[in-house]
N, C-alpha and C. Protein backbone atom coordinates (compact mmCIF):
# COMPACT_ATOMS: atom_id res chain seq x y z
N MET A 1 -6.68 -7.42 -3.40
CA MET A 1 -6.72 -8.75 -2.83
C MET A 1 -7.16 -8.62 -1.37
N HIS A 2 -7.97 -9.52 -0.92
CA HIS A 2 -8.48 -9.53 0.45
C HIS A 2 -7.34 -9.81 1.44
N VAL A 3 -7.34 -9.11 2.54
CA VAL A 3 -6.26 -9.23 3.54
C VAL A 3 -6.08 -10.67 3.98
N GLN A 4 -7.15 -11.39 4.26
CA GLN A 4 -7.03 -12.76 4.75
C GLN A 4 -6.38 -13.67 3.72
N VAL A 5 -6.67 -13.44 2.45
CA VAL A 5 -6.04 -14.24 1.39
C VAL A 5 -4.54 -14.01 1.36
N VAL A 6 -4.14 -12.76 1.48
CA VAL A 6 -2.71 -12.43 1.49
C VAL A 6 -2.01 -13.11 2.67
N VAL A 7 -2.60 -12.98 3.85
CA VAL A 7 -2.01 -13.56 5.06
C VAL A 7 -1.98 -15.09 4.95
N ASP A 8 -3.07 -15.68 4.46
CA ASP A 8 -3.12 -17.14 4.31
C ASP A 8 -2.06 -17.66 3.34
N ARG A 9 -1.67 -16.84 2.39
CA ARG A 9 -0.64 -17.23 1.42
C ARG A 9 0.76 -16.88 1.88
N GLY A 10 0.89 -16.46 3.15
CA GLY A 10 2.20 -16.16 3.70
C GLY A 10 2.63 -14.72 3.54
N GLY A 11 1.75 -13.88 3.02
CA GLY A 11 2.08 -12.46 2.85
C GLY A 11 1.80 -11.67 4.11
N ARG A 12 2.10 -10.40 4.04
CA ARG A 12 1.88 -9.51 5.17
C ARG A 12 1.22 -8.23 4.66
N VAL A 13 0.40 -7.61 5.52
CA VAL A 13 -0.31 -6.39 5.15
C VAL A 13 -0.11 -5.35 6.23
N LEU A 14 0.31 -4.15 5.82
CA LEU A 14 0.43 -3.02 6.72
C LEU A 14 -0.48 -1.92 6.19
N VAL A 15 -1.48 -1.55 6.98
CA VAL A 15 -2.36 -0.44 6.64
C VAL A 15 -1.71 0.83 7.17
N VAL A 16 -1.57 1.85 6.32
CA VAL A 16 -0.92 3.09 6.72
C VAL A 16 -1.95 4.21 6.73
N ALA A 17 -2.19 4.77 7.91
CA ALA A 17 -3.09 5.90 8.06
C ALA A 17 -2.28 7.19 7.96
N ASP A 18 -2.93 8.28 7.58
CA ASP A 18 -2.20 9.52 7.36
C ASP A 18 -1.91 10.32 8.62
N SER A 19 -2.44 9.86 9.77
CA SER A 19 -2.16 10.52 11.05
C SER A 19 -2.46 9.56 12.19
N GLU A 20 -1.96 9.89 13.37
CA GLU A 20 -2.26 9.06 14.56
C GLU A 20 -3.76 9.04 14.84
N GLY A 21 -4.40 10.18 14.68
CA GLY A 21 -5.85 10.26 14.91
C GLY A 21 -6.63 9.39 13.96
N ARG A 22 -6.24 9.39 12.68
CA ARG A 22 -6.90 8.54 11.68
C ARG A 22 -6.65 7.07 11.99
N ARG A 23 -5.43 6.76 12.44
CA ARG A 23 -5.11 5.36 12.81
C ARG A 23 -6.02 4.91 13.93
N GLU A 24 -6.20 5.75 14.95
CA GLU A 24 -7.08 5.40 16.06
C GLU A 24 -8.53 5.24 15.61
N SER A 25 -8.97 6.11 14.70
CA SER A 25 -10.33 6.00 14.16
C SER A 25 -10.52 4.69 13.41
N LEU A 26 -9.52 4.32 12.61
CA LEU A 26 -9.58 3.05 11.88
C LEU A 26 -9.57 1.86 12.84
N LEU A 27 -8.74 1.94 13.88
CA LEU A 27 -8.71 0.86 14.87
C LEU A 27 -10.07 0.71 15.55
N ASP A 28 -10.71 1.83 15.90
CA ASP A 28 -12.04 1.79 16.51
C ASP A 28 -13.05 1.15 15.56
N LEU A 29 -13.01 1.54 14.30
CA LEU A 29 -13.92 0.99 13.30
C LEU A 29 -13.72 -0.52 13.16
N LEU A 30 -12.47 -0.94 13.08
CA LEU A 30 -12.18 -2.37 12.98
C LEU A 30 -12.64 -3.13 14.23
N ARG A 31 -12.39 -2.56 15.41
CA ARG A 31 -12.84 -3.19 16.66
C ARG A 31 -14.36 -3.34 16.69
N ASP A 32 -15.07 -2.32 16.19
CA ASP A 32 -16.53 -2.37 16.13
C ASP A 32 -17.02 -3.53 15.27
N HIS A 33 -16.17 -4.01 14.37
CA HIS A 33 -16.51 -5.14 13.51
C HIS A 33 -15.83 -6.43 13.95
N GLY A 34 -15.32 -6.43 15.17
CA GLY A 34 -14.75 -7.64 15.75
C GLY A 34 -13.33 -7.94 15.33
N LEU A 35 -12.65 -6.97 14.74
CA LEU A 35 -11.26 -7.20 14.31
C LEU A 35 -10.30 -6.47 15.23
N VAL A 36 -9.36 -7.19 15.78
CA VAL A 36 -8.33 -6.59 16.61
C VAL A 36 -7.04 -6.59 15.80
N VAL A 37 -6.57 -5.39 15.47
CA VAL A 37 -5.39 -5.24 14.61
C VAL A 37 -4.27 -4.61 15.43
N PRO A 38 -3.13 -5.26 15.51
CA PRO A 38 -2.01 -4.67 16.25
C PRO A 38 -1.44 -3.46 15.52
N SER A 39 -0.86 -2.56 16.29
CA SER A 39 -0.21 -1.39 15.72
C SER A 39 1.27 -1.66 15.53
N ALA A 40 1.80 -1.18 14.42
CA ALA A 40 3.24 -1.24 14.17
C ALA A 40 3.78 0.16 14.41
N GLU A 41 4.93 0.26 15.04
CA GLU A 41 5.52 1.56 15.34
C GLU A 41 5.85 2.33 14.05
N SER A 42 6.27 1.60 13.02
CA SER A 42 6.64 2.24 11.75
C SER A 42 6.74 1.16 10.68
N LEU A 43 6.89 1.59 9.43
CA LEU A 43 7.11 0.64 8.34
C LEU A 43 8.38 -0.17 8.59
N THR A 44 9.43 0.50 9.04
CA THR A 44 10.69 -0.19 9.32
C THR A 44 10.51 -1.30 10.35
N HIS A 45 9.81 -0.99 11.45
CA HIS A 45 9.58 -2.02 12.47
C HIS A 45 8.74 -3.16 11.91
N PHE A 46 7.76 -2.85 11.09
CA PHE A 46 6.93 -3.89 10.50
C PHE A 46 7.77 -4.80 9.61
N LEU A 47 8.66 -4.23 8.81
CA LEU A 47 9.49 -5.02 7.91
C LEU A 47 10.51 -5.87 8.65
N VAL A 48 11.03 -5.38 9.76
CA VAL A 48 12.04 -6.10 10.52
C VAL A 48 11.43 -7.25 11.32
N ASP A 49 10.26 -7.01 11.90
CA ASP A 49 9.61 -8.02 12.74
C ASP A 49 8.92 -9.07 11.87
N VAL A 50 8.95 -10.31 12.31
CA VAL A 50 8.30 -11.40 11.58
C VAL A 50 6.79 -11.36 11.80
N GLU A 51 6.37 -11.02 12.96
CA GLU A 51 4.95 -10.90 13.30
C GLU A 51 4.68 -9.48 13.73
N PRO A 52 3.53 -8.97 13.55
CA PRO A 52 2.32 -9.61 13.04
C PRO A 52 2.29 -9.64 11.51
N ARG A 53 1.40 -10.46 10.98
CA ARG A 53 1.23 -10.56 9.53
C ARG A 53 0.35 -9.43 9.00
N PHE A 54 -0.47 -8.84 9.89
CA PHE A 54 -1.39 -7.77 9.53
C PHE A 54 -1.33 -6.72 10.63
N ALA A 55 -1.06 -5.47 10.28
CA ALA A 55 -0.92 -4.42 11.30
C ALA A 55 -1.31 -3.08 10.69
N ILE A 56 -1.35 -2.07 11.56
CA ILE A 56 -1.67 -0.71 11.14
C ILE A 56 -0.66 0.25 11.75
N THR A 57 -0.35 1.31 11.01
CA THR A 57 0.58 2.33 11.50
C THR A 57 0.13 3.69 10.97
N ALA A 58 0.81 4.72 11.40
CA ALA A 58 0.54 6.07 10.90
C ALA A 58 1.81 6.63 10.27
N ALA A 59 1.65 7.32 9.15
CA ALA A 59 2.78 7.96 8.47
C ALA A 59 2.25 9.18 7.73
N SER A 60 3.06 10.20 7.63
CA SER A 60 2.61 11.43 6.99
C SER A 60 2.49 11.28 5.48
N THR A 61 3.18 10.33 4.90
CA THR A 61 3.12 10.10 3.46
C THR A 61 2.41 8.79 3.20
N LEU A 62 1.37 8.85 2.40
CA LEU A 62 0.65 7.64 2.05
C LEU A 62 1.24 7.03 0.78
N TYR A 63 1.34 5.72 0.75
CA TYR A 63 1.86 5.05 -0.41
C TYR A 63 1.33 3.63 -0.41
N ARG A 64 1.44 3.00 -1.55
CA ARG A 64 1.06 1.60 -1.66
C ARG A 64 2.22 0.88 -2.31
N ALA A 65 2.61 -0.19 -1.69
CA ALA A 65 3.73 -0.94 -2.24
C ALA A 65 3.51 -2.43 -1.99
N ILE A 66 3.95 -3.21 -2.91
CA ILE A 66 3.99 -4.65 -2.73
C ILE A 66 5.46 -5.02 -2.73
N LEU A 67 5.91 -5.52 -1.61
CA LEU A 67 7.33 -5.84 -1.44
C LEU A 67 7.53 -7.35 -1.47
N ASP A 68 8.46 -7.81 -2.25
CA ASP A 68 8.82 -9.22 -2.26
C ASP A 68 9.96 -9.45 -1.31
N ASP A 69 10.05 -10.67 -0.78
CA ASP A 69 11.16 -11.00 0.12
C ASP A 69 12.48 -10.94 -0.58
């Protein structure tokens, strides 16, 4: 599902990069395409905070999850 559709429907998206360096590379790529994406300190911080609806973080373990409220 497209990120904007998820956000428009009240969902949230956290992109997880496998390292800080990869996160920075992804942020640069997104900026080059006019997208400014905030960084989340961790998955826990992203889940606790109400905003942002779309963010990026780094974690050593990659996973995909859809979490319901």
